[in-house]
């Protein structure tokens, strides 16, 4: 991931988690959460795009932001259960797009 994308993803995560303060430890933690969320969700959603797709409005970004919120609150085990339908819908959309690209 390039630095510009990581910075945008980190800002999205901070906004979703309502982090308005700026300190070194918090910034490091939320950046790690954003980086991990991008990797995990790229896989779960069957994306062949890079993580920059999470910076664009839509369901993938909503899932990214919510995964970050769950991670910030140490609740990632609950995320997939609560967003199963949305994950499957986005994964199906990506599988169809990926199939078209192969043809």
C-alpha atoms as a PDB file:
ATOM      1  CA  UNK A   1       0.000   0.000   0.000  1.00  0.00           C
ATOM      2  CA  UNK A   2       1.295   3.404  -0.800  1.00  0.00           C
ATOM      3  CA  UNK A   3       1.585   6.052   1.882  1.00  0.00           C
ATOM      4  CA  UNK A   4      -1.170   8.276   0.473  1.00  0.00           C
ATOM      5  CA  UNK A   5      -3.717   5.431   0.597  1.00  0.00           C
ATOM      6  CA  UNK A   6      -2.668   4.453   4.128  1.00  0.00           C
ATOM      7  CA  UNK A   7      -3.073   8.065   5.247  1.00  0.00           C
ATOM      8  CA  UNK A   8      -6.582   8.290   3.730  1.00  0.00           C
ATOM      9  CA  UNK A   9      -7.609   4.956   5.263  1.00  0.00           C
ATOM     10  CA  UNK A  10      -6.265   6.026   8.651  1.00  0.00           C
ATOM     11  CA  UNK A  11      -8.274   9.252   8.481  1.00  0.00           C
ATOM     12  CA  UNK A  12     -11.439   7.321   7.582  1.00  0.00           C
ATOM     13  CA  UNK A  13     -10.836   5.006  10.540  1.00  0.00           C
ATOM     14  CA  UNK A  14     -10.222   7.934  12.911  1.00  0.00           C
ATOM     15  CA  UNK A  15     -13.430   9.617  11.780  1.00  0.00           C
ATOM     16  CA  UNK A  16     -15.484   6.452  12.208  1.00  0.00           C
ATOM     17  CA  UNK A  17     -14.037   5.830  15.667  1.00  0.00           C
ATOM     18  CA  UNK A  18     -14.618   9.485  16.581  1.00  0.00           C
ATOM     19  CA  UNK A  19     -10.970  10.038  17.402  1.00  0.00           C
ATOM     20  CA  UNK A  20     -10.518  13.798  17.466  1.00  0.00           C
ATOM     21  CA  UNK A  21      -7.302  13.946  19.461  1.00  0.00           C
ATOM     22  CA  UNK A  22      -3.836  13.616  18.019  1.00  0.00           C
ATOM     23  CA  UNK A  23      -1.161  11.694  19.873  1.00  0.00           C
ATOM     24  CA  UNK A  24       1.584   9.329  18.814  1.00  0.00           C
ATOM     25  CA  UNK A  25       0.255   6.142  20.451  1.00  0.00           C
ATOM     26  CA  UNK A  26      -3.326   6.586  19.206  1.00  0.00           C
ATOM     27  CA  UNK A  27      -2.148   7.426  15.690  1.00  0.00           C
ATOM     28  CA  UNK A  28       0.047   4.335  15.616  1.00  0.00           C
ATOM     29  CA  UNK A  29      -2.767   2.091  16.849  1.00  0.00           C
ATOM     30  CA  UNK A  30      -5.403   3.420  14.432  1.00  0.00           C
ATOM     31  CA  UNK A  31      -2.964   3.213  11.515  1.00  0.00           C
ATOM     32  CA  UNK A  32      -2.280  -0.447  12.360  1.00  0.00           C
ATOM     33  CA  UNK A  33      -6.017  -1.091  12.587  1.00  0.00           C
ATOM     34  CA  UNK A  34      -6.588   0.545   9.181  1.00  0.00           C
ATOM     35  CA  UNK A  35      -3.748  -1.390   7.526  1.00  0.00           C
ATOM     36  CA  UNK A  36      -4.952  -4.705   8.941  1.00  0.00           C
ATOM     37  CA  UNK A  37      -8.579  -3.959   8.047  1.00  0.00           C
ATOM     38  CA  UNK A  38      -7.623  -3.263   4.432  1.00  0.00           C
ATOM     39  CA  UNK A  39      -5.771  -6.576   4.112  1.00  0.00           C
ATOM     40  CA  UNK A  40      -8.447  -8.614   5.900  1.00  0.00           C
ATOM     41  CA  UNK A  41     -11.368  -7.104   4.007  1.00  0.00           C
ATOM     42  CA  UNK A  42      -9.656  -7.265   0.627  1.00  0.00           C
ATOM     43  CA  UNK A  43      -9.542 -11.022   1.178  1.00  0.00           C
ATOM     44  CA  UNK A  44     -13.026 -11.402   2.719  1.00  0.00           C
ATOM     45  CA  UNK A  45     -14.619  -9.347  -0.044  1.00  0.00           C
ATOM     46  CA  UNK A  46     -12.796 -11.169  -2.845  1.00  0.00           C
ATOM     47  CA  UNK A  47     -11.284  -7.955  -4.122  1.00  0.00           C
ATOM     48  CA  UNK A  48      -8.552  -7.932  -6.718  1.00  0.00           C
ATOM     49  CA  UNK A  49      -8.234  -4.164  -6.435  1.00  0.00           C
ATOM     50  CA  UNK A  50      -5.844  -2.510  -4.080  1.00  0.00           C
ATOM     51  CA  UNK A  51      -6.914  -0.969  -0.796  1.00  0.00           C
ATOM     52  CA  UNK A  52      -7.546   2.385  -2.490  1.00  0.00           C
ATOM     53  CA  UNK A  53     -11.034   1.015  -3.281  1.00  0.00           C
ATOM     54  CA  UNK A  54     -11.887   1.552   0.398  1.00  0.00           C
ATOM     55  CA  UNK A  55     -11.401   5.308  -0.003  1.00  0.00           C
ATOM     56  CA  UNK A  56     -14.273   5.533  -2.502  1.00  0.00           C
ATOM     57  CA  UNK A  57     -17.882   5.849  -1.311  1.00  0.00           C
ATOM     58  CA  UNK A  58     -19.852   2.621  -1.266  1.00  0.00           C
ATOM     59  CA  UNK A  59     -20.451  -0.613   0.557  1.00  0.00           C
ATOM     60  CA  UNK A  60     -16.771  -1.626   0.647  1.00  0.00           C
ATOM     61  CA  UNK A  61     -15.860   1.636   2.397  1.00  0.00           C
ATOM     62  CA  UNK A  62     -18.760   1.243   4.836  1.00  0.00           C
ATOM     63  CA  UNK A  63     -17.525  -2.261   5.702  1.00  0.00           C
ATOM     64  CA  UNK A  64     -13.956  -0.988   6.071  1.00  0.00           C
ATOM     65  CA  UNK A  65     -15.014   1.814   8.411  1.00  0.00           C
ATOM     66  CA  UNK A  66     -17.190  -0.463  10.512  1.00  0.00           C
ATOM     67  CA  UNK A  67     -14.483  -3.139  10.729  1.00  0.00           C
ATOM     68  CA  UNK A  68     -12.124  -0.448  12.052  1.00  0.00           C
ATOM     69  CA  UNK A  69     -14.714   0.611  14.629  1.00  0.00           C
ATOM     70  CA  UNK A  70     -15.156  -2.995  15.767  1.00  0.00           C
ATOM     71  CA  UNK A  71     -11.380  -3.450  15.976  1.00  0.00           C
ATOM     72  CA  UNK A  72     -10.966  -0.195  17.930  1.00  0.00           C
ATOM     73  CA  UNK A  73     -13.451  -1.592  20.449  1.00  0.00           C
ATOM     74  CA  UNK A  74     -11.855  -5.069  20.484  1.00  0.00           C
ATOM     75  CA  UNK A  75     -14.974  -6.624  18.944  1.00  0.00           C
ATOM     76  CA  UNK A  76     -13.743  -8.054  15.610  1.00  0.00           C
ATOM     77  CA  UNK A  77     -15.251 -11.456  16.420  1.00  0.00           C
ATOM     78  CA  UNK A  78     -18.684  -9.838  16.217  1.00  0.00           C
ATOM     79  CA  UNK A  79     -18.084  -8.037  12.920  1.00  0.00           C
ATOM     80  CA  UNK A  80     -18.524 -10.926  10.508  1.00  0.00           C
ATOM     81  CA  UNK A  81     -21.622 -12.145  12.321  1.00  0.00           C
ATOM     82  CA  UNK A  82     -23.239  -8.699  12.218  1.00  0.00           C
ATOM     83  CA  UNK A  83     -22.250  -7.887   8.617  1.00  0.00           C
ATOM     84  CA  UNK A  84     -22.471 -11.329   7.003  1.00  0.00           C
ATOM     85  CA  UNK A  85     -25.110 -10.296   4.485  1.00  0.00           C
ATOM     86  CA  UNK A  86     -23.217  -7.172   3.405  1.00  0.00           C
ATOM     87  CA  UNK A  87     -19.935  -9.109   3.159  1.00  0.00           C
ATOM     88  CA  UNK A  88     -21.544 -11.771   0.969  1.00  0.00           C
ATOM     89  CA  UNK A  89     -23.217  -9.170  -1.238  1.00  0.00           C
ATOM     90  CA  UNK A  90     -19.961  -7.285  -1.787  1.00  0.00           C
ATOM     91  CA  UNK A  91     -18.034 -10.531  -2.345  1.00  0.00           C
ATOM     92  CA  UNK A  92     -20.584 -11.659  -4.941  1.00  0.00           C
ATOM     93  CA  UNK A  93     -20.315  -8.291  -6.733  1.00  0.00           C
ATOM     94  CA  UNK A  94     -16.517  -8.588  -6.813  1.00  0.00           C
ATOM     95  CA  UNK A  95     -16.621 -12.182  -8.051  1.00  0.00           C
ATOM     96  CA  UNK A  96     -18.889 -11.126 -10.939  1.00  0.00           C
ATOM     97  CA  UNK A  97     -16.572  -8.208 -11.805  1.00  0.00           C
ATOM     98  CA  UNK A  98     -13.502 -10.449 -11.589  1.00  0.00           C
ATOM     99  CA  UNK A  99     -15.196 -13.010 -13.839  1.00  0.00           C
ATOM    100  CA  UNK A 100     -15.919 -10.346 -16.455  1.00  0.00           C
ATOM    101  CA  UNK A 101     -12.287  -9.251 -16.464  1.00  0.00           C
ATOM    102  CA  UNK A 102     -11.133 -12.799 -17.211  1.00  0.00           C
ATOM    103  CA  UNK A 103     -13.359 -13.095 -20.292  1.00  0.00           C
END
